[in-house]
Protein backbone atom coordinates (compact mmCIF):
# COMPACT_ATOMS: atom_id res chain seq x y z
CA MET A 1 33.05 -0.71 28.17
CA SER A 2 32.52 -1.94 31.71
CA LEU A 3 31.17 -4.05 32.95
CA ARG A 4 27.63 -2.29 34.31
CA ALA A 5 27.38 -1.62 30.33
CA LEU A 6 28.44 -5.42 29.28
CA TRP A 7 25.31 -6.33 31.85
CA LEU A 8 22.83 -4.28 29.56
CA VAL A 9 24.05 -5.02 26.88
CA LEU A 10 24.04 -8.72 27.23
CA ALA A 11 20.05 -8.34 28.59
CA LEU A 12 19.41 -6.33 25.50
CA TRP A 13 20.91 -9.61 22.91
CA GLY A 14 19.07 -11.59 25.71
CA ALA A 15 15.75 -10.29 24.87
CA VAL A 16 16.56 -9.22 21.25
CA HIS A 17 18.02 -12.94 19.99
CA PRO A 18 16.01 -15.73 21.70
CA MET A 19 12.37 -13.43 20.81
CA TYR A 20 13.24 -13.59 17.16
CA TRP A 21 12.44 -16.55 17.34
CA PHE A 22 9.94 -17.69 19.62
CA VAL A 23 7.91 -15.18 16.90
CA THR A 24 9.68 -16.74 13.95
CA TYR A 25 8.04 -19.99 15.39
CA LEU A 26 4.85 -18.15 16.48
CA ALA A 27 4.85 -16.47 12.46
CA GLY A 28 4.90 -20.04 11.09
CA ASN A 29 2.57 -21.52 13.47
CA GLY A 30 -0.34 -20.14 13.16
CA TRP A 31 0.73 -17.45 16.47
CA ASP A 32 -0.65 -20.96 18.53
CA PHE A 33 1.48 -20.55 22.60
CA GLY A 34 0.37 -23.98 22.79
CA ALA A 35 2.17 -26.04 20.16
CA MET A 36 4.90 -24.04 21.31
CA ILE A 37 4.60 -24.61 24.24
CA ASP A 38 4.38 -28.27 23.63
CA ALA A 39 7.52 -27.99 21.15
CA TRP A 40 9.55 -27.68 24.35
CA TYR A 41 8.37 -30.52 25.45
CA VAL A 42 9.43 -32.79 21.84
CA ASN A 43 12.24 -35.41 23.53
CA ASP A 44 14.27 -35.54 26.19
CA SER A 45 16.57 -33.10 25.41
CA THR A 46 14.35 -30.91 24.82
CA THR A 47 12.50 -31.21 27.71
CA GLY A 48 15.75 -31.62 30.24
CA LEU A 49 16.84 -27.98 28.74
CA THR A 50 13.04 -26.58 29.85
CA TRP A 51 13.34 -28.15 33.30
CA ASP A 52 16.97 -26.86 33.67
CA LEU A 53 16.07 -22.51 32.71
CA THR A 54 12.84 -23.10 34.45
CA ILE A 55 14.72 -24.55 37.46
CA ALA A 56 17.43 -21.56 36.52
CA ALA A 57 15.18 -18.86 36.64
CA ILE A 58 12.65 -20.16 39.74
CA THR A 59 16.53 -19.43 41.42
CA LEU A 60 17.09 -16.19 40.41
CA THR A 61 13.58 -15.01 41.49
CA VAL A 62 14.08 -16.35 44.62
CA TRP A 63 17.73 -14.43 44.32
CA ILE A 64 16.15 -11.26 43.74
CA VAL A 65 13.50 -11.25 46.35
CA ALA A 66 16.53 -12.11 48.59
CA GLU A 67 18.13 -8.79 47.94
CA VAL A 68 16.00 -7.00 46.92
CA ALA A 69 14.64 -6.90 50.35
CA VAL A 70 17.74 -6.28 51.96
CA ARG A 71 19.29 -4.10 49.46
CA ARG A 72 15.85 -1.65 49.00
CA ASN A 73 16.52 -2.15 45.42
CA TRP A 74 12.82 -2.57 44.15
CA VAL A 75 13.19 -1.79 40.69
CA ALA A 76 15.24 -3.96 40.77
CA LEU A 77 12.20 -6.06 40.60
CA LEU A 78 11.30 -5.62 36.77
CA ALA A 79 14.02 -8.64 36.65
CA ILE A 80 11.58 -10.86 37.07
CA PRO A 81 8.89 -10.77 34.55
CA ALA A 82 11.65 -10.01 32.10
CA THR A 83 12.45 -13.81 32.68
CA PHE A 84 9.53 -15.18 32.66
CA CYS A 85 8.00 -13.20 30.23
CA ILE A 86 11.15 -13.50 27.88
CA GLY A 87 13.96 -15.53 29.06
CA LEU A 88 16.78 -15.63 31.41
CA SER A 89 19.11 -14.79 28.64
CA CYS A 90 17.43 -11.81 29.56
CA GLY A 91 15.99 -11.60 33.44
CA LEU A 92 19.87 -12.63 34.43
CA PRO A 93 22.27 -10.00 33.17
CA LEU A 94 19.22 -7.56 33.04
CA TYR A 95 19.45 -8.13 36.98
CA LEU A 96 23.15 -7.77 37.05
CA TRP A 97 22.47 -4.62 35.90
CA PHE A 98 20.10 -2.71 38.52
CA ARG A 99 22.48 -4.52 41.00
CA SER A 100 25.60 -3.18 40.20
CA ARG A 101 23.75 0.55 40.08
CA PRO A 102 26.64 3.13 42.45
CA VAL A 103 25.74 3.23 45.33
CA GLN A 104 24.44 5.88 46.94
CA PRO A 105 25.67 7.45 50.37
CA ALA A 106 23.04 7.29 53.40
CA PRO A 107 22.01 10.82 54.42
């Protein structure tokens, strides 16, 4: 398996696996997104993890924007909504998949 294919597999896994748990939680708690967000801050451990992932997601976003400005790989911007709507476990490997696209020589 190529490294590029591995990025795509990890992005898909990072989308499906966490989403299973989010949907399971929401289905059991009346689809109350506010309650799910409250659960992210239920104790110091989950609060720390929430902030860790938030800071990492912001860092990834800055990196994506900086590289897209140079590389002009506009489609890679799709990794930003994937990061904030699904999670870092999807957004990071998805960006690496976009970034590892073979470079086309300039005409």
